[in-house]
């Protein structure tokens, strides 16, 4: 499902991001859509692992620079909600 502009709806993206995050060992089963990575204990290796998982989920390559700017679930949601190639 996509919006008129061909972008994915934020609510859908957020839900998918949260489901992917649950596969990272240090992330609790219940994660808020407003969670900050520092509060979850994600370090740079976790963020790299997460970026790879999200690339597969949304069929979009995430540059190291973009991944470095992911500090919260909201950051990731905004990235994929505004990416024209995200599926």
Protein backbone atom coordinates (compact mmCIF):
# COMPACT_ATOMS: atom_id res chain seq x y z
CA UNK A 1 0.00 0.00 0.00
CA UNK A 2 1.39 3.41 -0.91
CA UNK A 3 0.26 6.99 -0.82
CA UNK A 4 -0.71 9.04 -3.87
CA UNK A 5 2.90 10.21 -4.24
CA UNK A 6 4.04 6.58 -4.26
CA UNK A 7 5.47 6.80 -0.74
CA UNK A 8 4.72 4.32 2.01
CA UNK A 9 2.41 5.51 4.82
CA UNK A 10 4.31 6.36 8.03
CA UNK A 11 2.12 4.12 10.20
CA UNK A 12 2.88 1.13 7.98
CA UNK A 13 6.60 1.91 7.93
CA UNK A 14 6.73 2.36 11.70
CA UNK A 15 5.06 -0.99 12.28
CA UNK A 16 7.48 -2.74 9.93
CA UNK A 17 10.50 -1.05 11.51
CA UNK A 18 9.39 -2.15 14.98
CA UNK A 19 8.95 -5.74 13.76
CA UNK A 20 12.46 -5.75 12.29
CA UNK A 21 13.94 -4.26 15.45
CA UNK A 22 12.56 -7.11 17.55
CA UNK A 23 15.08 -9.38 15.80
CA UNK A 24 17.99 -7.55 17.42
CA UNK A 25 18.98 -9.31 20.61
CA UNK A 26 19.19 -6.29 22.94
CA UNK A 27 15.85 -4.81 21.83
CA UNK A 28 12.92 -5.68 24.12
CA UNK A 29 9.83 -7.36 22.69
CA UNK A 30 7.77 -4.24 23.27
CA UNK A 31 9.34 -1.20 21.63
CA UNK A 32 7.65 2.18 21.35
CA UNK A 33 7.51 3.99 18.03
CA UNK A 34 9.16 6.91 19.85
CA UNK A 35 12.07 4.86 21.25
CA UNK A 36 15.56 6.27 21.03
CA UNK A 37 18.34 3.84 20.14
CA UNK A 38 20.53 5.02 23.02
CA UNK A 39 17.73 4.12 25.47
CA UNK A 40 17.53 0.65 23.93
CA UNK A 41 21.28 0.07 24.25
CA UNK A 42 21.97 -0.06 20.51
CA UNK A 43 25.62 0.54 19.70
CA UNK A 44 27.21 1.13 16.30
CA UNK A 45 27.32 -2.60 15.50
CA UNK A 46 23.63 -2.99 16.33
CA UNK A 47 22.83 0.00 14.12
CA UNK A 48 24.80 -1.56 11.25
CA UNK A 49 22.96 -4.85 11.73
CA UNK A 50 19.64 -3.00 11.83
CA UNK A 51 20.47 -1.08 8.63
CA UNK A 52 21.13 -4.37 6.82
CA UNK A 53 17.87 -5.86 8.04
CA UNK A 54 15.95 -2.74 7.01
CA UNK A 55 17.54 -2.79 3.56
CA UNK A 56 16.05 -6.24 3.04
CA UNK A 57 12.68 -5.27 4.51
CA UNK A 58 12.22 -2.15 2.36
CA UNK A 59 14.31 -3.14 -0.72
CA UNK A 60 16.38 0.04 -0.41
CA UNK A 61 20.11 0.47 0.09
CA UNK A 62 20.94 2.45 3.22
CA UNK A 63 24.24 4.34 2.98
CA UNK A 64 26.58 4.38 5.95
CA UNK A 65 25.96 8.12 6.20
CA UNK A 66 22.19 7.64 6.38
CA UNK A 67 22.50 4.83 8.92
CA UNK A 68 24.72 7.03 11.09
CA UNK A 69 21.81 9.49 11.30
CA UNK A 70 19.44 6.87 12.68
CA UNK A 71 19.09 7.69 16.38
CA UNK A 72 15.48 6.64 16.96
CA UNK A 73 12.62 4.63 15.51
CA UNK A 74 11.17 7.92 14.29
CA UNK A 75 14.36 8.71 12.32
CA UNK A 76 14.17 5.35 10.56
CA UNK A 77 10.45 5.74 9.90
CA UNK A 78 10.96 9.18 8.36
CA UNK A 79 13.78 7.86 6.16
CA UNK A 80 11.75 5.00 4.66
CA UNK A 81 8.46 6.95 4.54
CA UNK A 82 10.12 9.59 2.39
CA UNK A 83 12.22 7.26 0.23
CA UNK A 84 10.64 6.94 -3.23
CA UNK A 85 12.06 3.44 -3.83
CA UNK A 86 10.98 1.90 -0.53
CA UNK A 87 8.56 -0.99 -0.98
